Amino acid sequence: MAAVYYARAPAGAGDLVFTDPRSVLAPDLAARRGDSRRQPLPPFHGREFRMTPQTGDLVIFPGWLQHRVEHSAA
């Protein structure tokens, strides 16, 4: 598990962005199932999930989940 706590998050703080690395495996999994369509895995379905932090936020997530913080405008 990994966690981040925002003791103070000023306006313009960079978003916390998550990407599920399992989505890159989806074409291989689909091929093994006999389905030629790309089927990204849930919960992200091949897209990023963004969270704009607010003071007091506590975010807990699996340690293997790819994540980054965007540049802050604050």
Protein backbone atom coordinates (compact mmCIF):
# COMPACT_ATOMS: atom_id res chain seq x y z
CA MET A 1 0.00 0.00 0.00
CA ALA A 2 1.03 3.59 -0.57
CA ALA A 3 -0.50 6.77 0.75
CA VAL A 4 -0.30 10.51 0.41
CA TYR A 5 -1.65 13.05 2.88
CA TYR A 6 -2.21 16.66 1.91
CA ALA A 7 -1.67 18.63 5.12
CA ARG A 8 -2.00 21.78 3.05
CA ALA A 9 -2.99 21.97 -0.60
CA PRO A 10 -3.07 25.54 -1.94
CA ALA A 11 -5.10 26.53 -4.98
CA GLY A 12 -3.24 25.40 -8.10
CA ALA A 13 -1.64 22.38 -6.43
CA GLY A 14 -0.72 19.75 -9.01
CA ASP A 15 -3.19 16.93 -9.65
CA LEU A 16 -2.43 13.44 -8.41
CA VAL A 17 -2.63 11.22 -11.51
CA PHE A 18 -3.02 7.43 -11.52
CA THR A 19 -2.52 5.04 -14.45
CA ASP A 20 -3.25 1.33 -14.20
CA PRO A 21 -0.27 -0.59 -15.67
CA ARG A 22 -2.49 -3.64 -16.24
CA SER A 23 -4.18 -1.83 -19.15
CA VAL A 24 -1.12 -2.39 -21.35
CA LEU A 25 -1.68 -6.13 -20.96
CA ALA A 26 -5.24 -5.98 -22.26
CA PRO A 27 -4.49 -6.83 -25.94
CA ASP A 28 -2.63 -9.97 -24.87
CA LEU A 29 -5.43 -11.02 -22.53
CA ALA A 30 -8.03 -10.39 -25.24
CA ALA A 31 -6.03 -12.52 -27.70
CA ARG A 32 -5.89 -15.38 -25.22
CA ARG A 33 -9.66 -15.15 -24.87
CA GLY A 34 -10.04 -15.32 -28.65
CA ASP A 35 -11.27 -11.72 -28.86
CA SER A 36 -9.38 -9.44 -31.25
CA ARG A 37 -10.77 -6.22 -29.73
CA ARG A 38 -8.65 -4.32 -27.23
CA GLN A 39 -10.30 -4.61 -23.81
CA PRO A 40 -8.56 -2.48 -21.18
CA LEU A 41 -8.94 -3.73 -17.65
CA PRO A 42 -11.02 -1.98 -14.98
CA PRO A 43 -11.15 0.25 -13.04
CA PHE A 44 -9.35 2.70 -15.35
CA HIS A 45 -10.16 1.16 -18.74
CA GLY A 46 -6.94 2.48 -20.26
CA ARG A 47 -7.43 6.05 -19.08
CA GLU A 48 -5.84 8.12 -16.36
CA PHE A 49 -7.64 8.96 -13.15
CA ARG A 50 -6.98 12.49 -11.87
CA MET A 51 -7.55 13.90 -8.44
CA THR A 52 -7.23 17.57 -7.55
CA PRO A 53 -5.96 17.61 -3.96
CA GLN A 54 -7.61 19.54 -1.18
CA THR A 55 -6.27 20.24 2.30
CA GLY A 56 -6.86 17.25 4.55
CA ASP A 57 -7.14 14.65 1.76
CA LEU A 58 -5.72 11.22 2.53
CA VAL A 59 -5.32 8.97 -0.51
CA ILE A 60 -4.47 5.28 -0.01
CA PHE A 61 -3.79 3.10 -3.05
CA PRO A 62 -1.98 -0.13 -4.02
CA GLY A 63 1.77 0.38 -4.23
CA TRP A 64 1.97 -1.10 -7.75
CA LEU A 65 -0.40 1.52 -9.17
CA GLN A 66 1.54 3.97 -11.33
CA HIS A 67 1.16 7.52 -10.08
CA ARG A 68 2.61 10.98 -10.46
CA VAL A 69 1.98 14.54 -9.37
CA GLU A 70 1.67 17.22 -12.02
CA HIS A 71 3.50 20.52 -11.79
CA SER A 72 2.06 22.92 -9.29
CA ALA A 73 0.89 26.39 -10.25
CA ALA A 74 0.94 27.38 -6.57
